[in-house]
Amino acid sequence: MKRKSHPTSRRADLDRKYPRCRVYAVELSPEVLNHRGFRDANPHYVDGQACVYIGMTSLTAEQRLHHHLTGIRFPSEIVHHFGVALRPEILPATSAKPRSKAMKLEREIARRLRAAGMGVWQG
């Protein structure tokens, strides 16, 4: 019988596979507010605030945005249809991190931006 791997060991395996991940932000066009899933994910959105996608990648942010916009390598449909440009200025200055730490940072940034009234879609 095959044993299930422990979540901690799986996380360590992913950190070894992706040791240098970056969190990035993409501005989304205001038309994203017509997307029901986006509206449902942002019940406290404040009219006039920006809408953004927060993601994580082992590529550069520019490469990953290109993949989203052109439909290469598992694009986010939200970014594919509504992505406008990178928004590095809304992120804290950080260096590349192991995947597990980048995932935590991605969630924390999304939480803070939502709390500020922004519309946020998270990868």
PDB file of N, CA and C in Angstrom:
ATOM      1  N   MET A   1       0.842  -1.178   0.000  1.00  0.00           N
ATOM      2  CA  MET A   1       0.000   0.000   0.000  1.00  0.00           C
ATOM      3  C   MET A   1       0.892   1.248   0.000  1.00  0.00           C
ATOM      4  N   LYS A   2       0.574   2.171  -0.883  1.00  0.00           N
ATOM      5  CA  LYS A   2       1.369   3.396  -0.999  1.00  0.00           C
ATOM      6  C   LYS A   2       0.984   4.371   0.111  1.00  0.00           C
ATOM      7  N   ARG A   3       1.989   4.911   0.786  1.00  0.00           N
ATOM      8  CA  ARG A   3       1.750   5.870   1.856  1.00  0.00           C
ATOM      9  C   ARG A   3       1.648   7.270   1.293  1.00  0.00           C
ATOM     10  N   LYS A   4       0.747   8.033   1.872  1.00  0.00           N
ATOM     11  CA  LYS A   4       0.630   9.435   1.479  1.00  0.00           C
ATOM     12  C   LYS A   4       1.811  10.197   2.040  1.00  0.00           C
ATOM     13  N   SER A   5       2.317  11.134   1.237  1.00  0.00           N
ATOM     14  CA  SER A   5       3.430  11.938   1.738  1.00  0.00           C
ATOM     15  C   SER A   5       2.911  12.985   2.718  1.00  0.00           C
ATOM     16  N   HIS A   6       3.730  13.314   3.649  1.00  0.00           N
ATOM     17  CA  HIS A   6       3.391  14.316   4.653  1.00  0.00           C
ATOM     18  C   HIS A   6       3.403  15.691   3.978  1.00  0.00           C
ATOM     19  N   PRO A   7       2.418  16.575   4.284  1.00  0.00           N
ATOM     20  CA  PRO A   7       2.382  17.898   3.645  1.00  0.00           C
ATOM     21  C   PRO A   7       3.676  18.678   3.791  1.00  0.00           C
ATOM     22  N   THR A   8       4.342  18.541   4.933  1.00  0.00           N
ATOM     23  CA  THR A   8       5.589  19.274   5.134  1.00  0.00           C
ATOM     24  C   THR A   8       6.662  18.794   4.174  1.00  0.00           C
ATOM     25  N   SER A   9       6.742  17.474   3.957  1.00  0.00           N
ATOM     26  CA  SER A   9       7.753  16.959   3.028  1.00  0.00           C
ATOM     27  C   SER A   9       7.417  17.362   1.600  1.00  0.00           C
ATOM     28  N   ARG A  10       6.136  17.407   1.260  1.00  0.00           N
ATOM     29  CA  ARG A  10       5.733  17.855  -0.078  1.00  0.00           C
ATOM     30  C   ARG A  10       6.120  19.314  -0.293  1.00  0.00           C
ATOM     31  N   ARG A  11       5.918  20.118   0.732  1.00  0.00           N
ATOM     32  CA  ARG A  11       6.283  21.537   0.665  1.00  0.00           C
ATOM     33  C   ARG A  11       7.795  21.683   0.484  1.00  0.00           C
ATOM     34  N   ALA A  12       8.557  20.891   1.205  1.00  0.00           N
ATOM     35  CA  ALA A  12      10.021  20.943   1.087  1.00  0.00           C
ATOM     36  C   ALA A  12      10.455  20.510  -0.314  1.00  0.00           C
ATOM     37  N   ASP A  13       9.783  19.501  -0.855  1.00  0.00           N
ATOM     38  CA  ASP A  13      10.094  19.064  -2.225  1.00  0.00           C
ATOM     39  C   ASP A  13       9.851  20.193  -3.222  1.00  0.00           C
ATOM     40  N   LEU A  14       8.734  20.916  -3.063  1.00  0.00           N
ATOM     41  CA  LEU A  14       8.428  22.031  -3.970  1.00  0.00           C
ATOM     42  C   LEU A  14       9.407  23.176  -3.777  1.00  0.00           C
ATOM     43  N   ASP A  15       9.831  23.408  -2.533  1.00  0.00           N
ATOM     44  CA  ASP A  15      10.824  24.458  -2.292  1.00  0.00           C
ATOM     45  C   ASP A  15      12.144  24.122  -2.980  1.00  0.00           C
ATOM     46  N   ARG A  16      12.501  22.845  -2.988  1.00  0.00           N
ATOM     47  CA  ARG A  16      13.730  22.445  -3.693  1.00  0.00           C
ATOM     48  C   ARG A  16      13.564  22.574  -5.207  1.00  0.00           C
ATOM     49  N   LYS A  17      12.380  22.232  -5.703  1.00  0.00           N
ATOM     50  CA  LYS A  17      12.123  22.313  -7.150  1.00  0.00           C
ATOM     51  C   LYS A  17      12.029  23.766  -7.619  1.00  0.00           C
ATOM     52  N   TYR A  18      11.443  24.627  -6.782  1.00  0.00           N
ATOM     53  CA  TYR A  18      11.259  26.048  -7.116  1.00  0.00           C
ATOM     54  C   TYR A  18      11.865  26.910  -6.012  1.00  0.00           C
ATOM     55  N   PRO A  19      13.191  27.014  -5.959  1.00  0.00           N
ATOM     56  CA  PRO A  19      13.824  27.731  -4.853  1.00  0.00           C
ATOM     57  C   PRO A  19      13.756  29.251  -4.976  1.00  0.00           C
ATOM     58  N   ARG A  20      13.416  29.771  -6.151  1.00  0.00           N
ATOM     59  CA  ARG A  20      13.460  31.217  -6.360  1.00  0.00           C
ATOM     60  C   ARG A  20      12.174  31.681  -7.028  1.00  0.00           C
ATOM     61  N   CYS A  21      11.142  31.895  -6.233  1.00  0.00           N
ATOM     62  CA  CYS A  21       9.856  32.366  -6.749  1.00  0.00           C
ATOM     63  C   CYS A  21       9.662  33.834  -6.393  1.00  0.00           C
ATOM     64  N   ARG A  22       8.967  34.516  -7.263  1.00  0.00           N
ATOM     65  CA  ARG A  22       8.697  35.937  -7.075  1.00  0.00           C
ATOM     66  C   ARG A  22       7.186  36.167  -7.082  1.00  0.00           C
ATOM     67  N   VAL A  23       6.744  37.091  -6.253  1.00  0.00           N
ATOM     68  CA  VAL A  23       5.349  37.511  -6.257  1.00  0.00           C
ATOM     69  C   VAL A  23       5.254  38.721  -7.169  1.00  0.00           C
ATOM     70  N   TYR A  24       4.183  38.774  -7.968  1.00  0.00           N
ATOM     71  CA  TYR A  24       4.024  39.874  -8.911  1.00  0.00           C
ATOM     72  C   TYR A  24       2.566  40.329  -8.930  1.00  0.00           C
ATOM     73  N   ALA A  25       2.341  41.539  -9.403  1.00  0.00           N
ATOM     74  CA  ALA A  25       0.997  42.107  -9.481  1.00  0.00           C
ATOM     75  C   ALA A  25       0.735  42.578 -10.900  1.00  0.00           C
ATOM     76  N   VAL A  26      -0.486  42.313 -11.373  1.00  0.00           N
ATOM     77  CA  VAL A  26      -0.917  42.744 -12.705  1.00  0.00           C
ATOM     78  C   VAL A  26      -2.168  43.592 -12.554  1.00  0.00           C
ATOM     79  N   GLU A  27      -2.145  44.763 -13.138  1.00  0.00           N
ATOM     80  CA  GLU A  27      -3.343  45.598 -13.173  1.00  0.00           C
ATOM     81  C   GLU A  27      -4.365  44.938 -14.081  1.00  0.00           C
ATOM     82  N   LEU A  28      -5.628  44.936 -13.651  1.00  0.00           N
ATOM     83  CA  LEU A  28      -6.719  44.395 -14.452  1.00  0.00           C
ATOM     84  C   LEU A  28      -7.614  45.533 -14.922  1.00  0.00           C
ATOM     85  N   SER A  29      -8.160  45.413 -16.108  1.00  0.00           N
ATOM     86  CA  SER A  29      -9.036  46.463 -16.627  1.00  0.00           C
ATOM     87  C   SER A  29     -10.326  46.507 -15.804  1.00  0.00           C
ATOM     88  N   PRO A  30     -10.975  47.655 -15.739  1.00  0.00           N
ATOM     89  CA  PRO A  30     -12.210  47.780 -14.962  1.00  0.00           C
ATOM     90  C   PRO A  30     -13.322  46.838 -15.435  1.00  0.00           C
ATOM     91  N   GLU A  31     -13.232  46.339 -16.664  1.00  0.00           N
ATOM     92  CA  GLU A  31     -14.243  45.402 -17.170  1.00  0.00           C
ATOM     93  C   GLU A  31     -14.280  44.113 -16.354  1.00  0.00           C
ATOM     94  N   VAL A  32     -13.212  43.832 -15.592  1.00  0.00           N
ATOM     95  CA  VAL A  32     -13.182  42.623 -14.765  1.00  0.00           C
ATOM     96  C   VAL A  32     -14.310  42.653 -13.731  1.00  0.00           C
ATOM     97  N   LEU A  33     -14.790  43.842 -13.408  1.00  0.00           N
ATOM     98  CA  LEU A  33     -15.876  43.967 -12.433  1.00  0.00           C
ATOM     99  C   LEU A  33     -17.184  43.385 -12.969  1.00  0.00           C
ATOM    100  N   ASN A  34     -17.265  43.151 -14.268  1.00  0.00           N
ATOM    101  CA  ASN A  34     -18.443  42.499 -14.853  1.00  0.00           C
ATOM    102  C   ASN A  34     -18.369  40.976 -14.732  1.00  0.00           C
ATOM    103  N   HIS A  35     -17.229  40.450 -14.300  1.00  0.00           N
ATOM    104  CA  HIS A  35     -17.025  39.010 -14.130  1.00  0.00           C
ATOM    105  C   HIS A  35     -17.595  38.596 -12.773  1.00  0.00           C
ATOM    106  N   ARG A  36     -18.590  37.728 -12.774  1.00  0.00           N
ATOM    107  CA  ARG A  36     -19.280  37.377 -11.532  1.00  0.00           C
ATOM    108  C   ARG A  36     -18.338  36.791 -10.481  1.00  0.00           C
ATOM    109  N   GLY A  37     -17.453  35.898 -10.891  1.00  0.00           N
ATOM    110  CA  GLY A  37     -16.524  35.296  -9.937  1.00  0.00           C
ATOM    111  C   GLY A  37     -15.637  36.331  -9.267  1.00  0.00           C
ATOM    112  N   PHE A  38     -15.205  37.329 -10.047  1.00  0.00           N
ATOM    113  CA  PHE A  38     -14.366  38.395  -9.492  1.00  0.00           C
ATOM    114  C   PHE A  38     -15.154  39.206  -8.472  1.00  0.00           C
ATOM    115  N   ARG A  39     -16.387  39.566  -8.830  1.00  0.00           N
ATOM    116  CA  ARG A  39     -17.225  40.326  -7.892  1.00  0.00           C
ATOM    117  C   ARG A  39     -17.476  39.533  -6.616  1.00  0.00           C
ATOM    118  N   ASP A  40     -17.766  38.236  -6.767  1.00  0.00           N
ATOM    119  CA  ASP A  40     -18.035  37.398  -5.598  1.00  0.00           C
ATOM    120  C   ASP A  40     -16.811  37.285  -4.680  1.00  0.00           C
ATOM    121  N   ALA A  41     -15.614  37.305  -5.265  1.00  0.00           N
ATOM    122  CA  ALA A  41     -14.374  37.197  -4.484  1.00  0.00           C
ATOM    123  C   ALA A  41     -14.005  38.513  -3.798  1.00  0.00           C
ATOM    124  N   ASN A  42     -14.696  39.592  -4.151  1.00  0.00           N
ATOM    125  CA  ASN A  42     -14.361  40.928  -3.626  1.00  0.00           C
ATOM    126  C   ASN A  42     -15.602  41.654  -3.130  1.00  0.00           C
ATOM    127  N   PRO A  43     -16.268  41.117  -2.106  1.00  0.00           N
ATOM    128  CA  PRO A  43     -17.513  41.742  -1.644  1.00  0.00           C
ATOM    129  C   PRO A  43     -17.318  43.122  -1.027  1.00  0.00           C
ATOM    130  N   HIS A  44     -16.098  43.453  -0.618  1.00  0.00           N
ATOM    131  CA  HIS A  44     -15.843  44.752   0.014  1.00  0.00           C
ATOM    132  C   HIS A  44     -15.091  45.701  -0.915  1.00  0.00           C
ATOM    133  N   TYR A  45     -15.175  45.441  -2.214  1.00  0.00           N
ATOM    134  CA  TYR A  45     -14.517  46.311  -3.187  1.00  0.00           C
ATOM    135  C   TYR A  45     -15.098  47.720  -3.085  1.00  0.00           C
ATOM    136  N   VAL A  46     -14.220  48.715  -3.127  1.00  0.00           N
ATOM    137  CA  VAL A  46     -14.627  50.116  -3.065  1.00  0.00           C
ATOM    138  C   VAL A  46     -14.564  50.689  -4.476  1.00  0.00           C
ATOM    139  N   ASP A  47     -15.689  51.218  -4.952  1.00  0.00           N
ATOM    140  CA  ASP A  47     -15.742  51.787  -6.305  1.00  0.00           C
ATOM    141  C   ASP A  47     -14.600  52.769  -6.536  1.00  0.00           C
ATOM    142  N   GLY A  48     -13.950  52.654  -7.681  1.00  0.00           N
ATOM    143  CA  GLY A  48     -12.863  53.544  -8.046  1.00  0.00           C
ATOM    144  C   GLY A  48     -11.487  53.014  -7.696  1.00  0.00           C
ATOM    145  N   GLN A  49     -11.410  52.010  -6.831  1.00  0.00           N
ATOM    146  CA  GLN A  49     -10.118  51.414  -6.490  1.00  0.00           C
ATOM    147  C   GLN A  49      -9.633  50.537  -7.659  1.00  0.00           C
ATOM    148  N   ALA A  50      -8.358  50.274  -7.675  1.00  0.00           N
ATOM    149  CA  ALA A  50      -7.773  49.438  -8.726  1.00  0.00           C
ATOM    150  C   ALA A  50      -8.179  47.982  -8.538  1.00  0.00           C
ATOM    151  N   CYS A  51      -8.127  47.242  -9.632  1.00  0.00           N
ATOM    152  CA  CYS A  51      -8.323  45.799  -9.621  1.00  0.00           C
ATOM    153  C   CYS A  51      -7.010  45.171 -10.067  1.00  0.00           C
ATOM    154  N   VAL A  52      -6.546  44.174  -9.335  1.00  0.00           N
ATOM    155  CA  VAL A  52      -5.251  43.567  -9.619  1.00  0.00           C
ATOM    156  C   VAL A  52      -5.313  42.051  -9.473  1.00  0.00           C
ATOM    157  N   TYR A  53      -4.357  41.416 -10.105  1.00  0.00           N
ATOM    158  CA  TYR A  53      -4.102  39.983  -9.941  1.00  0.00           C
ATOM    159  C   TYR A  53      -2.782  39.866  -9.196  1.00  0.00           C
ATOM    160  N   ILE A  54      -2.744  39.023  -8.172  1.00  0.00           N
ATOM    161  CA  ILE A  54      -1.510  38.762  -7.433  1.00  0.00           C
ATOM    162  C   ILE A  54      -1.133  37.307  -7.701  1.00  0.00           C
ATOM    163  N   GLY A  55       0.066  37.118  -8.232  1.00  0.00           N
ATOM    164  CA  GLY A  55       0.514  35.777  -8.555  1.00  0.00           C
ATOM    165  C   GLY A  55       1.935  35.529  -8.097  1.00  0.00           C
ATOM    166  N   MET A  56       2.398  34.317  -8.358  1.00  0.00           N
ATOM    167  CA  MET A  56       3.729  33.903  -7.969  1.00  0.00           C
ATOM    168  C   MET A  56       4.315  33.117  -9.144  1.00  0.00           C
ATOM    169  N   THR A  57       5.619  33.300  -9.392  1.00  0.00           N
ATOM    170  CA  THR A  57       6.247  32.615 -10.513  1.00  0.00           C
ATOM    171  C   THR A  57       7.725  32.374 -10.247  1.00  0.00           C
ATOM    172  N   SER A  58       8.254  31.357 -10.917  1.00  0.00           N
ATOM    173  CA  SER A  58       9.698  31.134 -10.874  1.00  0.00           C
ATOM    174  C   SER A  58      10.368  31.825 -12.061  1.00  0.00           C
ATOM    175  N   LEU A  59       9.572  32.417 -12.934  1.00  0.00           N
ATOM    176  CA  LEU A  59      10.078  33.199 -14.067  1.00  0.00           C
ATOM    177  C   LEU A  59      10.204  34.660 -13.640  1.00  0.00           C
ATOM    178  N   THR A  60      10.575  35.520 -14.574  1.00  0.00           N
ATOM    179  CA  THR A  60      10.477  36.949 -14.277  1.00  0.00           C
ATOM    180  C   THR A  60       9.009  37.336 -14.399  1.00  0.00           C
ATOM    181  N   ALA A  61       8.630  38.421 -13.759  1.00  0.00           N
ATOM    182  CA  ALA A  61       7.241  38.883 -13.840  1.00  0.00           C
ATOM    183  C   ALA A  61       6.867  39.201 -15.284  1.00  0.00           C
ATOM    184  N   GLU A  62       7.809  39.749 -16.038  1.00  0.00           N
ATOM    185  CA  GLU A  62       7.551  40.091 -17.447  1.00  0.00           C
ATOM    186  C   GLU A  62       7.275  38.829 -18.269  1.00  0.00           C
ATOM    187  N   GLN A  63       8.069  37.785 -18.037  1.00  0.00           N
ATOM    188  CA  GLN A  63       7.846  36.529 -18.761  1.00  0.00           C
ATOM    189  C   GLN A  63       6.491  35.928 -18.415  1.00  0.00           C
ATOM    190  N   ARG A  64       6.164  35.938 -17.128  1.00  0.00           N
ATOM    191  CA  ARG A  64       4.896  35.332 -16.714  1.00  0.00           C
ATOM    192  C   ARG A  64       3.708  36.114 -17.246  1.00  0.00           C
ATOM    193  N   LEU A  65       3.777  37.444 -17.258  1.00  0.00           N
ATOM    194  CA  LEU A  65       2.688  38.241 -17.825  1.00  0.00           C
ATOM    195  C   LEU A  65       2.519  37.914 -19.301  1.00  0.00           C
ATOM    196  N   HIS A  66       3.623  37.788 -20.015  1.00  0.00           N
ATOM    197  CA  HIS A  66       3.551  37.413 -21.436  1.00  0.00           C
ATOM    198  C   HIS A  66       2.828  36.070 -21.593  1.00  0.00           C
ATOM    199  N   HIS A  67       3.136  35.106 -20.722  1.00  0.00           N
ATOM    200  CA  HIS A  67       2.464  33.800 -20.780  1.00  0.00           C
ATOM    201  C   HIS A  67       0.971  33.940 -20.537  1.00  0.00           C
ATOM    202  N   HIS A  68       0.584  34.743 -19.561  1.00  0.00           N
ATOM    203  CA  HIS A  68      -0.839  34.958 -19.290  1.00  0.00           C
ATOM    204  C   HIS A  68      -1.531  35.562 -20.510  1.00  0.00           C
ATOM    205  N   LEU A  69      -0.957  36.618 -21.042  1.00  0.00           N
ATOM    206  CA  LEU A  69      -1.620  37.354 -22.120  1.00  0.00           C
ATOM    207  C   LEU A  69      -1.691  36.575 -23.421  1.00  0.00           C
ATOM    208  N   THR A  70      -0.715  35.704 -23.655  1.00  0.00           N
ATOM    209  CA  THR A  70      -0.705  34.930 -24.905  1.00  0.00           C
ATOM    210  C   THR A  70      -1.266  33.524 -24.735  1.00  0.00           C
ATOM    211  N   GLY A  71      -1.617  33.151 -23.528  1.00  0.00           N
ATOM    212  CA  GLY A  71      -2.215  31.837 -23.304  1.00  0.00           C
ATOM    213  C   GLY A  71      -1.224  30.695 -23.192  1.00  0.00           C
ATOM    214  N   ILE A  72       0.034  30.998 -22.891  1.00  0.00           N
ATOM    215  CA  ILE A  72       1.072  29.980 -22.779  1.00  0.00           C
ATOM    216  C   ILE A  72       1.163  29.490 -21.336  1.00  0.00           C
ATOM    217  N   ARG A  73       1.401  28.216 -21.138  1.00  0.00           N
ATOM    218  CA  ARG A  73       1.702  27.607 -19.831  1.00  0.00           C
ATOM    219  C   ARG A  73       0.742  28.000 -18.714  1.00  0.00           C
ATOM    220  N   PHE A  74      -0.448  27.518 -18.760  1.00  0.00           N
ATOM    221  CA  PHE A  74      -1.420  27.662 -17.680  1.00  0.00           C
ATOM    222  C   PHE A  74      -1.714  29.114 -17.304  1.00  0.00           C
ATOM    223  N   PRO A  75      -2.235  29.876 -18.240  1.00  0.00           N
ATOM    224  CA  PRO A  75      -2.541  31.276 -17.907  1.00  0.00           C
ATOM    225  C   PRO A  75      -3.760  31.374 -16.992  1.00  0.00           C
ATOM    226  N   SER A  76      -3.784  32.401 -16.185  1.00  0.00           N
ATOM    227  CA  SER A  76      -4.999  32.728 -15.442  1.00  0.00           C
ATOM    228  C   SER A  76      -5.964  33.329 -16.457  1.00  0.00           C
ATOM    229  N   GLU A  77      -7.178  32.801 -16.500  1.00  0.00           N
ATOM    230  CA  GLU A  77      -8.164  33.324 -17.452  1.00  0.00           C
ATOM    231  C   GLU A  77      -8.475  34.799 -17.174  1.00  0.00           C
ATOM    232  N   ILE A  78      -8.488  35.175 -15.899  1.00  0.00           N
ATOM    233  CA  ILE A  78      -8.750  36.578 -15.542  1.00  0.00           C
ATOM    234  C   ILE A  78      -7.673  37.472 -16.149  1.00  0.00           C
ATOM    235  N   VAL A  79      -6.405  37.102 -15.997  1.00  0.00           N
ATOM    236  CA  VAL A  79      -5.320  37.920 -16.551  1.00  0.00           C
ATOM    237  C   VAL A  79      -5.330  37.840 -18.071  1.00  0.00           C
ATOM    238  N   HIS A  80      -5.596  36.669 -18.615  1.00  0.00           N
ATOM    239  CA  HIS A  80      -5.622  36.500 -20.069  1.00  0.00           C
ATOM    240  C   HIS A  80      -6.626  37.465 -20.705  1.00  0.00           C
ATOM    241  N   HIS A  81      -7.797  37.605 -20.081  1.00  0.00           N
ATOM    242  CA  HIS A  81      -8.851  38.449 -20.652  1.00  0.00           C
ATOM    243  C   HIS A  81      -8.809  39.905 -20.186  1.00  0.00           C
ATOM    244  N   PHE A  82      -8.318  40.161 -18.979  1.00  0.00           N
ATOM    245  CA  PHE A  82      -8.421  41.502 -18.412  1.00  0.00           C
ATOM    246  C   PHE A  82      -7.092  42.132 -18.016  1.00  0.00           C
ATOM    247  N   GLY A  83      -5.968  41.424 -18.200  1.00  0.00           N
ATOM    248  CA  GLY A  83      -4.670  41.954 -17.799  1.00  0.00           C
ATOM    249  C   GLY A  83      -4.256  43.171 -18.605  1.00  0.00           C
ATOM    250  N   VAL A  84      -3.692  44.173 -17.932  1.00  0.00           N
ATOM    251  CA  VAL A  84      -3.271  45.416 -18.576  1.00  0.00           C
ATOM    252  C   VAL A  84      -1.750  45.567 -18.504  1.00  0.00           C
ATOM    253  N   ALA A  85      -1.194  45.567 -17.309  1.00  0.00           N
ATOM    254  CA  ALA A  85       0.244  45.823 -17.144  1.00  0.00           C
ATOM    255  C   ALA A  85       0.687  45.362 -15.754  1.00  0.00           C
ATOM    256  N   LEU A  86       1.986  45.186 -15.600  1.00  0.00           N
ATOM    257  CA  LEU A  86       2.552  44.877 -14.290  1.00  0.00           C
ATOM    258  C   LEU A  86       2.423  46.086 -13.378  1.00  0.00           C
ATOM    259  N   ARG A  87       2.231  45.835 -12.088  1.00  0.00           N
ATOM    260  CA  ARG A  87       2.123  46.905 -11.092  1.00  0.00           C
ATOM    261  C   ARG A  87       3.072  46.643  -9.926  1.00  0.00           C
ATOM    262  N   PRO A  88       4.379  46.675 -10.169  1.00  0.00           N
ATOM    263  CA  PRO A  88       5.329  46.348  -9.099  1.00  0.00           C
ATOM    264  C   PRO A  88       5.287  47.327  -7.931  1.00  0.00           C
ATOM    265  N   GLU A  89       4.803  48.538  -8.152  1.00  0.00           N
ATOM    266  CA  GLU A  89       4.825  49.550  -7.096  1.00  0.00           C
ATOM    267  C   GLU A  89       3.861  49.231  -5.946  1.00  0.00           C
ATOM    268  N   ILE A  90       2.903  48.332  -6.143  1.00  0.00           N
ATOM    269  CA  ILE A  90       1.979  48.016  -5.047  1.00  0.00           C
ATOM    270  C   ILE A  90       2.479  46.866  -4.175  1.00  0.00           C
ATOM    271  N   LEU A  91       3.637  46.322  -4.545  1.00  0.00           N
ATOM    272  CA  LEU A  91       4.210  45.209  -3.779  1.00  0.00           C
ATOM    273  C   LEU A  91       5.342  45.686  -2.889  1.00  0.00           C
ATOM    274  N   PRO A  92       5.536  45.021  -1.753  1.00  0.00           N
ATOM    275  CA  PRO A  92       6.715  45.349  -0.952  1.00  0.00           C
ATOM    276  C   PRO A  92       7.971  44.904  -1.695  1.00  0.00           C
ATOM    277  N   ALA A  93       9.063  45.583  -1.484  1.00  0.00           N
ATOM    278  CA  ALA A  93      10.323  45.199  -2.131  1.00  0.00           C
ATOM    279  C   ALA A  93      10.817  43.912  -1.486  1.00  0.00           C
ATOM    280  N   THR A  94      10.837  42.842  -2.261  1.00  0.00           N
ATOM    281  CA  THR A  94      11.309  41.558  -1.748  1.00  0.00           C
ATOM    282  C   THR A  94      12.154  40.885  -2.816  1.00  0.00           C
ATOM    283  N   SER A  95      12.988  39.998  -2.376  1.00  0.00           N
ATOM    284  CA  SER A  95      13.772  39.203  -3.314  1.00  0.00           C
ATOM    285  C   SER A  95      13.056  37.878  -3.537  1.00  0.00           C
ATOM    286  N   ALA A  96      13.588  37.077  -4.441  1.00  0.00           N
ATOM    287  CA  ALA A  96      13.010  35.769  -4.702  1.00  0.00           C
ATOM    288  C   ALA A  96      13.078  34.916  -3.440  1.00  0.00           C
ATOM    289  N   LYS A  97      12.053  34.081  -3.264  1.00  0.00           N
ATOM    290  CA  LYS A  97      11.931  33.265  -2.061  1.00  0.00           C
ATOM    291  C   LYS A  97      11.628  31.824  -2.448  1.00  0.00           C
ATOM    292  N   PRO A  98      11.846  30.885  -1.528  1.00  0.00           N
ATOM    293  CA  PRO A  98      11.374  29.527  -1.775  1.00  0.00           C
ATOM    294  C   PRO A  98       9.857  29.546  -1.996  1.00  0.00           C
ATOM    295  N   ARG A  99       9.357  28.588  -2.743  1.00  0.00           N
ATOM    296  CA  ARG A  99       7.954  28.567  -3.145  1.00  0.00           C
ATOM    297  C   ARG A  99       6.993  28.709  -1.954  1.00  0.00           C
ATOM    298  N   SER A 100       7.228  27.983  -0.871  1.00  0.00           N
ATOM    299  CA  SER A 100       6.296  28.032   0.262  1.00  0.00           C
ATOM    300  C   SER A 100       6.227  29.432   0.876  1.00  0.00           C
ATOM    301  N   LYS A 101       7.346  30.129   0.958  1.00  0.00           N
ATOM    302  CA  LYS A 101       7.344  31.496   1.508  1.00  0.00           C
ATOM    303  C   LYS A 101       6.693  32.471   0.532  1.00  0.00           C
ATOM    304  N   ALA A 102       6.912  32.268  -0.758  1.00  0.00           N
ATOM    305  CA  ALA A 102       6.275  33.127  -1.767  1.00  0.00           C
ATOM    306  C   ALA A 102       4.762  32.940  -1.740  1.00  0.00           C
ATOM    307  N   MET A 103       4.295  31.703  -1.521  1.00  0.00           N
ATOM    308  CA  MET A 103       2.850  31.463  -1.432  1.00  0.00           C
ATOM    309  C   MET A 103       2.238  32.205  -0.251  1.00  0.00           C
ATOM    310  N   LYS A 104       2.912  32.184   0.885  1.00  0.00           N
ATOM    311  CA  LYS A 104       2.426  32.914   2.066  1.00  0.00           C
ATOM    312  C   LYS A 104       2.401  34.410   1.792  1.00  0.00           C
ATOM    313  N   LEU A 105       3.453  34.928   1.160  1.00  0.00           N
ATOM    314  CA  LEU A 105       3.519  36.350   0.840  1.00  0.00           C
ATOM    315  C   LEU A 105       2.402  36.736  -0.130  1.00  0.00           C
ATOM    316  N   GLU A 106       2.150  35.903  -1.131  1.00  0.00           N
ATOM    317  CA  GLU A 106       1.069  36.160  -2.090  1.00  0.00           C
ATOM    318  C   GLU A 106      -0.267  36.294  -1.367  1.00  0.00           C
ATOM    319  N   ARG A 107      -0.576  35.372  -0.482  1.00  0.00           N
ATOM    320  CA  ARG A 107      -1.839  35.423   0.272  1.00  0.00           C
ATOM    321  C   ARG A 107      -1.918  36.664   1.155  1.00  0.00           C
ATOM    322  N   GLU A 108      -0.801  37.002   1.804  1.00  0.00           N
ATOM    323  CA  GLU A 108      -0.786  38.165   2.695  1.00  0.00           C
ATOM    324  C   GLU A 108      -0.989  39.468   1.914  1.00  0.00           C
ATOM    325  N   ILE A 109      -0.330  39.600   0.782  1.00  0.00           N
ATOM    326  CA  ILE A 109      -0.492  40.805  -0.045  1.00  0.00           C
ATOM    327  C   ILE A 109      -1.930  40.915  -0.524  1.00  0.00           C
ATOM    328  N   ALA A 110      -2.493  39.822  -1.006  1.00  0.00           N
ATOM    329  CA  ALA A 110      -3.884  39.840  -1.481  1.00  0.00           C
ATOM    330  C   ALA A 110      -4.828  40.246  -0.347  1.00  0.00           C
ATOM    331  N   ARG A 111      -4.603  39.707   0.838  1.00  0.00           N
ATOM    332  CA  ARG A 111      -5.447  40.050   1.989  1.00  0.00           C
ATOM    333  C   ARG A 111      -5.367  41.544   2.309  1.00  0.00           C
ATOM    334  N   ARG A 112      -4.141  42.085   2.323  1.00  0.00           N
ATOM    335  CA  ARG A 112      -3.961  43.513   2.641  1.00  0.00           C
ATOM    336  C   ARG A 112      -4.608  44.412   1.584  1.00  0.00           C
ATOM    337  N   LEU A 113      -4.451  44.067   0.313  1.00  0.00           N
ATOM    338  CA  LEU A 113      -5.036  44.890  -0.743  1.00  0.00           C
ATOM    339  C   LEU A 113      -6.565  44.846  -0.702  1.00  0.00           C
ATOM    340  N   ARG A 114      -7.122  43.667  -0.441  1.00  0.00           N
ATOM    341  CA  ARG A 114      -8.587  43.572  -0.298  1.00  0.00           C
ATOM    342  C   ARG A 114      -9.064  44.416   0.876  1.00  0.00           C
ATOM    343  N   ALA A 115      -8.323  44.385   1.983  1.00  0.00           N
ATOM    344  CA  ALA A 115      -8.695  45.161   3.168  1.00  0.00           C
ATOM    345  C   ALA A 115      -8.674  46.668   2.864  1.00  0.00           C
ATOM    346  N   ALA A 116      -7.844  47.056   1.885  1.00  0.00           N
ATOM    347  CA  ALA A 116      -7.774  48.468   1.479  1.00  0.00           C
ATOM    348  C   ALA A 116      -8.846  48.815   0.446  1.00  0.00           C
ATOM    349  N   GLY A 117      -9.715  47.860   0.102  1.00  0.00           N
ATOM    350  CA  GLY A 117     -10.821  48.132  -0.815  1.00  0.00           C
ATOM    351  C   GLY A 117     -10.525  47.817  -2.272  1.00  0.00           C
ATOM    352  N   MET A 118      -9.351  47.307  -2.568  1.00  0.00           N
ATOM    353  CA  MET A 118      -9.031  46.970  -3.962  1.00  0.00           C
ATOM    354  C   MET A 118      -9.703  45.661  -4.346  1.00  0.00           C
ATOM    355  N   GLY A 119      -9.908  45.491  -5.658  1.00  0.00           N
ATOM    356  CA  GLY A 119     -10.406  44.223  -6.181  1.00  0.00           C
ATOM    357  C   GLY A 119      -9.196  43.354  -6.474  1.00  0.00           C
ATOM    358  N   VAL A 120      -9.179  42.133  -5.935  1.00  0.00           N
ATOM    359  CA  VAL A 120      -8.005  41.277  -6.042  1.00  0.00           C
ATOM    360  C   VAL A 120      -8.398  39.879  -6.508  1.00  0.00           C
ATOM    361  N   TRP A 121      -7.703  39.388  -7.501  1.00  0.00           N
ATOM    362  CA  TRP A 121      -7.788  37.984  -7.919  1.00  0.00           C
ATOM    363  C   TRP A 121      -6.423  37.401  -7.629  1.00  0.00           C
ATOM    364  N   GLN A 122      -6.437  36.214  -7.078  1.00  0.00           N
ATOM    365  CA  GLN A 122      -5.195  35.633  -6.593  1.00  0.00           C
ATOM    366  C   GLN A 122      -4.911  34.331  -7.320  1.00  0.00           C
ATOM    367  N   GLY A 123      -3.620  34.125  -7.668  1.00  0.00           N
ATOM    368  CA  GLY A 123      -3.196  32.907  -8.372  1.00  0.00           C
ATOM    369  C   GLY A 123      -3.050  31.788  -7.498  1.00  0.00           C
TER     370      GLY A 123
END
